[in-house]
C-alpha atoms as a PDB file:
ATOM      1  CA  UNK A   1     264.281 -64.072 -26.929  1.00  0.00           C
ATOM      2  CA  UNK A   2     260.591 -65.214 -27.873  1.00  0.00           C
ATOM      3  CA  UNK A   3     257.964 -62.873 -29.365  1.00  0.00           C
ATOM      4  CA  UNK A   4     254.409 -63.281 -28.161  1.00  0.00           C
ATOM      5  CA  UNK A   5     251.542 -61.747 -30.291  1.00  0.00           C
ATOM      6  CA  UNK A   6     248.490 -60.910 -28.145  1.00  0.00           C
ATOM      7  CA  UNK A   7     245.147 -59.800 -29.388  1.00  0.00           C
ATOM      8  CA  UNK A   8     242.660 -57.536 -27.613  1.00  0.00           C
ATOM      9  CA  UNK A   9     239.262 -59.453 -27.571  1.00  0.00           C
ATOM     10  CA  UNK A  10     237.084 -57.081 -25.623  1.00  0.00           C
ATOM     11  CA  UNK A  11     236.914 -54.620 -22.641  1.00  0.00           C
ATOM     12  CA  UNK A  12     235.413 -56.179 -19.574  1.00  0.00           C
ATOM     13  CA  UNK A  13     232.570 -53.684 -19.568  1.00  0.00           C
ATOM     14  CA  UNK A  14     231.619 -54.669 -23.120  1.00  0.00           C
ATOM     15  CA  UNK A  15     232.123 -58.271 -22.768  1.00  0.00           C
ATOM     16  CA  UNK A  16     228.394 -59.100 -23.061  1.00  0.00           C
ATOM     17  CA  UNK A  17     227.842 -57.101 -26.270  1.00  0.00           C
ATOM     18  CA  UNK A  18     230.679 -58.410 -28.289  1.00  0.00           C
ATOM     19  CA  UNK A  19     229.925 -60.377 -31.460  1.00  0.00           C
ATOM     20  CA  UNK A  20     231.873 -61.403 -34.613  1.00  0.00           C
ATOM     21  CA  UNK A  21     232.744 -57.744 -35.233  1.00  0.00           C
ATOM     22  CA  UNK A  22     234.767 -57.506 -31.959  1.00  0.00           C
ATOM     23  CA  UNK A  23     237.766 -55.811 -33.609  1.00  0.00           C
ATOM     24  CA  UNK A  24     235.453 -52.934 -34.915  1.00  0.00           C
ATOM     25  CA  UNK A  25     233.659 -52.608 -31.581  1.00  0.00           C
ATOM     26  CA  UNK A  26     236.809 -52.613 -29.569  1.00  0.00           C
ATOM     27  CA  UNK A  27     238.474 -49.862 -31.790  1.00  0.00           C
ATOM     28  CA  UNK A  28     235.400 -47.751 -31.268  1.00  0.00           C
ATOM     29  CA  UNK A  29     235.374 -48.202 -27.519  1.00  0.00           C
ATOM     30  CA  UNK A  30     239.182 -47.328 -27.485  1.00  0.00           C
ATOM     31  CA  UNK A  31     238.755 -44.076 -29.269  1.00  0.00           C
ATOM     32  CA  UNK A  32     235.589 -43.027 -27.491  1.00  0.00           C
ATOM     33  CA  UNK A  33     236.991 -43.799 -23.900  1.00  0.00           C
ATOM     34  CA  UNK A  34     240.144 -41.756 -24.578  1.00  0.00           C
ATOM     35  CA  UNK A  35     237.912 -38.784 -25.343  1.00  0.00           C
ATOM     36  CA  UNK A  36     236.162 -39.097 -21.990  1.00  0.00           C
ATOM     37  CA  UNK A  37     238.455 -40.403 -19.296  1.00  0.00           C
ATOM     38  CA  UNK A  38     240.540 -37.474 -18.663  1.00  0.00           C
ATOM     39  CA  UNK A  39     239.860 -35.575 -15.371  1.00  0.00           C
ATOM     40  CA  UNK A  40     241.486 -32.831 -13.325  1.00  0.00           C
ATOM     41  CA  UNK A  41     243.471 -35.628 -11.459  1.00  0.00           C
ATOM     42  CA  UNK A  42     244.390 -37.678 -14.440  1.00  0.00           C
ATOM     43  CA  UNK A  43     246.693 -36.349 -17.182  1.00  0.00           C
ATOM     44  CA  UNK A  44     245.876 -36.868 -20.759  1.00  0.00           C
ATOM     45  CA  UNK A  45     248.608 -39.367 -21.137  1.00  0.00           C
ATOM     46  CA  UNK A  46     247.549 -41.579 -18.094  1.00  0.00           C
ATOM     47  CA  UNK A  47     244.031 -41.612 -19.546  1.00  0.00           C
ATOM     48  CA  UNK A  48     245.304 -42.712 -22.964  1.00  0.00           C
ATOM     49  CA  UNK A  49     247.446 -45.379 -21.350  1.00  0.00           C
ATOM     50  CA  UNK A  50     244.745 -46.633 -19.091  1.00  0.00           C
ATOM     51  CA  UNK A  51     242.365 -46.853 -22.081  1.00  0.00           C
ATOM     52  CA  UNK A  52     244.533 -48.720 -24.465  1.00  0.00           C
ATOM     53  CA  UNK A  53     245.605 -51.332 -21.751  1.00  0.00           C
ATOM     54  CA  UNK A  54     242.020 -51.787 -20.729  1.00  0.00           C
ATOM     55  CA  UNK A  55     240.715 -55.156 -22.170  1.00  0.00           C
ATOM     56  CA  UNK A  56     240.834 -58.899 -22.243  1.00  0.00           C
ATOM     57  CA  UNK A  57     243.856 -60.049 -24.203  1.00  0.00           C
ATOM     58  CA  UNK A  58     245.143 -63.562 -25.388  1.00  0.00           C
ATOM     59  CA  UNK A  59     247.508 -65.056 -27.850  1.00  0.00           C
ATOM     60  CA  UNK A  60     245.204 -67.994 -28.864  1.00  0.00           C
ATOM     61  CA  UNK A  61     245.700 -67.133 -32.573  1.00  0.00           C
ATOM     62  CA  UNK A  62     249.413 -67.642 -32.300  1.00  0.00           C
ATOM     63  CA  UNK A  63     249.195 -70.649 -29.977  1.00  0.00           C
ATOM     64  CA  UNK A  64     246.656 -72.427 -32.367  1.00  0.00           C
ATOM     65  CA  UNK A  65     249.170 -72.007 -35.155  1.00  0.00           C
ATOM     66  CA  UNK A  66     252.071 -73.082 -33.126  1.00  0.00           C
ATOM     67  CA  UNK A  67     251.375 -75.456 -30.212  1.00  0.00           C
ATOM     68  CA  UNK A  68     254.718 -74.779 -28.580  1.00  0.00           C
ATOM     69  CA  UNK A  69     253.340 -71.464 -27.229  1.00  0.00           C
ATOM     70  CA  UNK A  70     251.538 -71.491 -23.892  1.00  0.00           C
ATOM     71  CA  UNK A  71     248.132 -69.916 -23.962  1.00  0.00           C
ATOM     72  CA  UNK A  72     248.306 -66.525 -22.238  1.00  0.00           C
ATOM     73  CA  UNK A  73     245.120 -64.723 -21.234  1.00  0.00           C
ATOM     74  CA  UNK A  74     245.579 -61.124 -19.747  1.00  0.00           C
ATOM     75  CA  UNK A  75     242.896 -59.125 -17.973  1.00  0.00           C
ATOM     76  CA  UNK A  76     243.636 -55.483 -17.583  1.00  0.00           C
ATOM     77  CA  UNK A  77     240.885 -52.987 -16.184  1.00  0.00           C
ATOM     78  CA  UNK A  78     240.667 -49.652 -14.337  1.00  0.00           C
ATOM     79  CA  UNK A  79     239.682 -50.154 -10.808  1.00  0.00           C
ATOM     80  CA  UNK A  80     238.797 -47.666  -8.011  1.00  0.00           C
ATOM     81  CA  UNK A  81     240.896 -48.232  -4.884  1.00  0.00           C
ATOM     82  CA  UNK A  82     239.938 -45.512  -2.272  1.00  0.00           C
ATOM     83  CA  UNK A  83     243.291 -45.605  -0.373  1.00  0.00           C
ATOM     84  CA  UNK A  84     245.057 -44.890  -3.644  1.00  0.00           C
ATOM     85  CA  UNK A  85     242.868 -42.070  -4.776  1.00  0.00           C
ATOM     86  CA  UNK A  86     243.098 -39.894  -7.038  1.00  0.00           C
ATOM     87  CA  UNK A  87     245.653 -42.106  -8.758  1.00  0.00           C
ATOM     88  CA  UNK A  88     244.793 -44.122 -11.933  1.00  0.00           C
ATOM     89  CA  UNK A  89     244.956 -47.836 -10.898  1.00  0.00           C
ATOM     90  CA  UNK A  90     244.797 -50.850 -13.085  1.00  0.00           C
ATOM     91  CA  UNK A  91     243.819 -54.482 -12.041  1.00  0.00           C
ATOM     92  CA  UNK A  92     246.234 -56.832 -13.761  1.00  0.00           C
ATOM     93  CA  UNK A  93     245.596 -60.669 -14.082  1.00  0.00           C
ATOM     94  CA  UNK A  94     247.782 -62.846 -16.317  1.00  0.00           C
ATOM     95  CA  UNK A  95     246.795 -66.616 -16.687  1.00  0.00           C
ATOM     96  CA  UNK A  96     248.847 -69.310 -18.411  1.00  0.00           C
ATOM     97  CA  UNK A  97     247.066 -72.331 -19.703  1.00  0.00           C
ATOM     98  CA  UNK A  98     244.023 -71.386 -17.808  1.00  0.00           C
ATOM     99  CA  UNK A  99     245.487 -70.701 -14.302  1.00  0.00           C
ATOM    100  CA  UNK A 100     246.547 -67.417 -12.730  1.00  0.00           C
ATOM    101  CA  UNK A 101     250.145 -66.653 -12.782  1.00  0.00           C
ATOM    102  CA  UNK A 102     250.052 -62.794 -11.806  1.00  0.00           C
ATOM    103  CA  UNK A 103     247.732 -60.728  -9.922  1.00  0.00           C
ATOM    104  CA  UNK A 104     248.609 -57.084  -9.581  1.00  0.00           C
ATOM    105  CA  UNK A 105     247.355 -53.549  -8.886  1.00  0.00           C
ATOM    106  CA  UNK A 106     249.358 -51.085 -11.017  1.00  0.00           C
ATOM    107  CA  UNK A 107     249.405 -47.482 -10.073  1.00  0.00           C
ATOM    108  CA  UNK A 108     249.721 -45.359 -13.302  1.00  0.00           C
ATOM    109  CA  UNK A 109     251.755 -42.033 -13.125  1.00  0.00           C
ATOM    110  CA  UNK A 110     253.020 -39.725 -15.677  1.00  0.00           C
ATOM    111  CA  UNK A 111     256.493 -38.732 -14.605  1.00  0.00           C
ATOM    112  CA  UNK A 112     258.439 -35.465 -15.231  1.00  0.00           C
ATOM    113  CA  UNK A 113     259.987 -37.073 -18.204  1.00  0.00           C
ATOM    114  CA  UNK A 114     256.600 -37.414 -19.814  1.00  0.00           C
ATOM    115  CA  UNK A 115     256.818 -41.152 -19.572  1.00  0.00           C
ATOM    116  CA  UNK A 116     254.352 -43.561 -17.837  1.00  0.00           C
ATOM    117  CA  UNK A 117     255.651 -45.222 -14.831  1.00  0.00           C
ATOM    118  CA  UNK A 118     253.726 -48.200 -13.067  1.00  0.00           C
ATOM    119  CA  UNK A 119     254.147 -49.046  -9.466  1.00  0.00           C
ATOM    120  CA  UNK A 120     252.772 -52.618  -9.078  1.00  0.00           C
ATOM    121  CA  UNK A 121     251.484 -54.321  -5.913  1.00  0.00           C
ATOM    122  CA  UNK A 122     251.145 -58.077  -5.661  1.00  0.00           C
ATOM    123  CA  UNK A 123     247.836 -59.513  -4.741  1.00  0.00           C
ATOM    124  CA  UNK A 124     248.118 -62.917  -2.822  1.00  0.00           C
ATOM    125  CA  UNK A 125     246.004 -65.677  -4.240  1.00  0.00           C
ATOM    126  CA  UNK A 126     245.564 -69.442  -3.853  1.00  0.00           C
ATOM    127  CA  UNK A 127     247.404 -71.912  -6.088  1.00  0.00           C
ATOM    128  CA  UNK A 128     245.697 -73.047  -9.212  1.00  0.00           C
ATOM    129  CA  UNK A 129     243.243 -70.228  -9.422  1.00  0.00           C
ATOM    130  CA  UNK A 130     241.379 -70.253 -12.564  1.00  0.00           C
ATOM    131  CA  UNK A 131     241.891 -67.283 -15.009  1.00  0.00           C
ATOM    132  CA  UNK A 132     238.921 -64.946 -14.839  1.00  0.00           C
ATOM    133  CA  UNK A 133     237.529 -66.177 -11.628  1.00  0.00           C
ATOM    134  CA  UNK A 134     239.038 -63.502  -9.228  1.00  0.00           C
ATOM    135  CA  UNK A 135     236.678 -60.775  -8.580  1.00  0.00           C
ATOM    136  CA  UNK A 136     238.538 -57.444  -8.278  1.00  0.00           C
ATOM    137  CA  UNK A 137     235.668 -55.888  -6.404  1.00  0.00           C
ATOM    138  CA  UNK A 138     236.957 -57.541  -3.258  1.00  0.00           C
ATOM    139  CA  UNK A 139     240.041 -55.114  -3.366  1.00  0.00           C
ATOM    140  CA  UNK A 140     237.836 -52.023  -2.687  1.00  0.00           C
ATOM    141  CA  UNK A 141     238.455 -51.996   0.998  1.00  0.00           C
ATOM    142  CA  UNK A 142     242.229 -52.981   0.918  1.00  0.00           C
ATOM    143  CA  UNK A 143     244.546 -50.807   3.148  1.00  0.00           C
ATOM    144  CA  UNK A 144     247.965 -49.240   2.416  1.00  0.00           C
ATOM    145  CA  UNK A 145     249.457 -51.838   4.942  1.00  0.00           C
ATOM    146  CA  UNK A 146     248.143 -54.705   2.747  1.00  0.00           C
ATOM    147  CA  UNK A 147     249.839 -53.400  -0.403  1.00  0.00           C
ATOM    148  CA  UNK A 148     253.174 -55.024  -1.058  1.00  0.00           C
ATOM    149  CA  UNK A 149     255.506 -54.204  -4.067  1.00  0.00           C
ATOM    150  CA  UNK A 150     259.119 -54.352  -4.968  1.00  0.00           C
ATOM    151  CA  UNK A 151     260.718 -50.728  -5.325  1.00  0.00           C
ATOM    152  CA  UNK A 152     263.333 -52.290  -7.519  1.00  0.00           C
ATOM    153  CA  UNK A 153     260.845 -53.691  -9.990  1.00  0.00           C
ATOM    154  CA  UNK A 154     260.201 -50.860 -12.439  1.00  0.00           C
ATOM    155  CA  UNK A 155     257.732 -50.729 -15.324  1.00  0.00           C
ATOM    156  CA  UNK A 156     258.073 -47.806 -17.739  1.00  0.00           C
ATOM    157  CA  UNK A 157     256.370 -47.007 -21.057  1.00  0.00           C
ATOM    158  CA  UNK A 158     256.831 -44.123 -23.696  1.00  0.00           C
ATOM    159  CA  UNK A 159     253.902 -42.839 -25.829  1.00  0.00           C
ATOM    160  CA  UNK A 160     255.289 -42.593 -29.253  1.00  0.00           C
ATOM    161  CA  UNK A 161     252.037 -41.961 -30.960  1.00  0.00           C
ATOM    162  CA  UNK A 162     248.501 -41.065 -29.680  1.00  0.00           C
ATOM    163  CA  UNK A 163     247.594 -44.612 -29.376  1.00  0.00           C
ATOM    164  CA  UNK A 164     250.748 -46.533 -29.359  1.00  0.00           C
ATOM    165  CA  UNK A 165     253.065 -47.052 -26.344  1.00  0.00           C
ATOM    166  CA  UNK A 166     256.297 -48.909 -26.050  1.00  0.00           C
ATOM    167  CA  UNK A 167     258.177 -49.969 -22.984  1.00  0.00           C
ATOM    168  CA  UNK A 168     259.391 -52.654 -20.507  1.00  0.00           C
ATOM    169  CA  UNK A 169     257.534 -54.783 -18.061  1.00  0.00           C
ATOM    170  CA  UNK A 170     259.595 -56.221 -15.321  1.00  0.00           C
ATOM    171  CA  UNK A 171     258.883 -59.877 -14.347  1.00  0.00           C
ATOM    172  CA  UNK A 172     258.622 -59.002 -10.630  1.00  0.00           C
ATOM    173  CA  UNK A 173     258.050 -62.514  -9.338  1.00  0.00           C
ATOM    174  CA  UNK A 174     261.340 -63.804 -10.934  1.00  0.00           C
ATOM    175  CA  UNK A 175     264.999 -63.000 -10.232  1.00  0.00           C
ATOM    176  CA  UNK A 176     267.822 -63.925 -12.423  1.00  0.00           C
ATOM    177  CA  UNK A 177     271.302 -63.097 -11.336  1.00  0.00           C
ATOM    178  CA  UNK A 178     270.004 -60.624  -8.884  1.00  0.00           C
ATOM    179  CA  UNK A 179     267.827 -58.800 -11.521  1.00  0.00           C
ATOM    180  CA  UNK A 180     264.315 -58.864 -12.643  1.00  0.00           C
ATOM    181  CA  UNK A 181     264.082 -59.843 -16.343  1.00  0.00           C
ATOM    182  CA  UNK A 182     262.148 -57.543 -18.506  1.00  0.00           C
ATOM    183  CA  UNK A 183     259.372 -58.053 -21.359  1.00  0.00           C
ATOM    184  CA  UNK A 184     259.801 -55.410 -24.097  1.00  0.00           C
ATOM    185  CA  UNK A 185     256.241 -54.410 -25.149  1.00  0.00           C
ATOM    186  CA  UNK A 186     254.543 -52.626 -28.023  1.00  0.00           C
ATOM    187  CA  UNK A 187     250.960 -51.717 -27.212  1.00  0.00           C
ATOM    188  CA  UNK A 188     248.188 -50.482 -29.519  1.00  0.00           C
ATOM    189  CA  UNK A 189     244.396 -50.546 -29.075  1.00  0.00           C
ATOM    190  CA  UNK A 190     244.037 -53.856 -30.645  1.00  0.00           C
ATOM    191  CA  UNK A 191     247.323 -55.847 -30.364  1.00  0.00           C
ATOM    192  CA  UNK A 192     250.399 -55.907 -28.238  1.00  0.00           C
ATOM    193  CA  UNK A 193     253.638 -57.675 -28.919  1.00  0.00           C
ATOM    194  CA  UNK A 194     255.810 -59.128 -26.047  1.00  0.00           C
ATOM    195  CA  UNK A 195     259.336 -59.939 -26.421  1.00  0.00           C
ATOM    196  CA  UNK A 196     260.219 -62.302 -23.517  1.00  0.00           C
ATOM    197  CA  UNK A 197     263.707 -63.186 -22.447  1.00  0.00           C
ATOM    198  CA  UNK A 198     264.846 -66.829 -23.068  1.00  0.00           C
ATOM    199  CA  UNK A 199     264.931 -69.429 -20.240  1.00  0.00           C
ATOM    200  CA  UNK A 200     262.412 -67.324 -17.903  1.00  0.00           C
ATOM    201  CA  UNK A 201     259.655 -69.298 -16.253  1.00  0.00           C
ATOM    202  CA  UNK A 202     257.496 -67.041 -14.242  1.00  0.00           C
ATOM    203  CA  UNK A 203     256.660 -68.266 -10.804  1.00  0.00           C
ATOM    204  CA  UNK A 204     253.178 -67.846  -9.149  1.00  0.00           C
ATOM    205  CA  UNK A 205     252.797 -64.444  -7.396  1.00  0.00           C
ATOM    206  CA  UNK A 206     253.063 -64.923  -3.635  1.00  0.00           C
END
């Protein structure tokens, strides 16, 4: 397996105000947003998860030290999708070496077991789409008929501390021996560590 170390650079809403003190500002945002996100339709754990996930992440520090690593840039942000209300929904974009590899909508649900479960829907996009160029606002009027996901592609997280989640993220657009390979993930407000299976090359989302 290969371990990828990813750092949170900023939240999309705060991108314009970030400076050399980005880690401090991000940490304050992470703590303050957790206090204010919970509503009668969103559980405490769902709010914590969406807040910790929210942001722009990359592994540039790791890639600069070891050029064998591809550069990953990940954009995760809450998004209001009317047909999915009142669910908590995240927009998920992963770019590899500057080009989008994954576009998803992820519905966040706290299950009876207390764990966080994500149901992910693919967003069709053109080939060689540059990372960060897709405007998620165009998804506002998406219909249920336009949402397509894989029922067998599960993504689950356990909250082990107030601001620490561990879990598995299925690689839904890749099948190996009839199964979706899984990233093992550790998420905090500032960093996440991804442990990726060997010999897995993610294909572009269709």
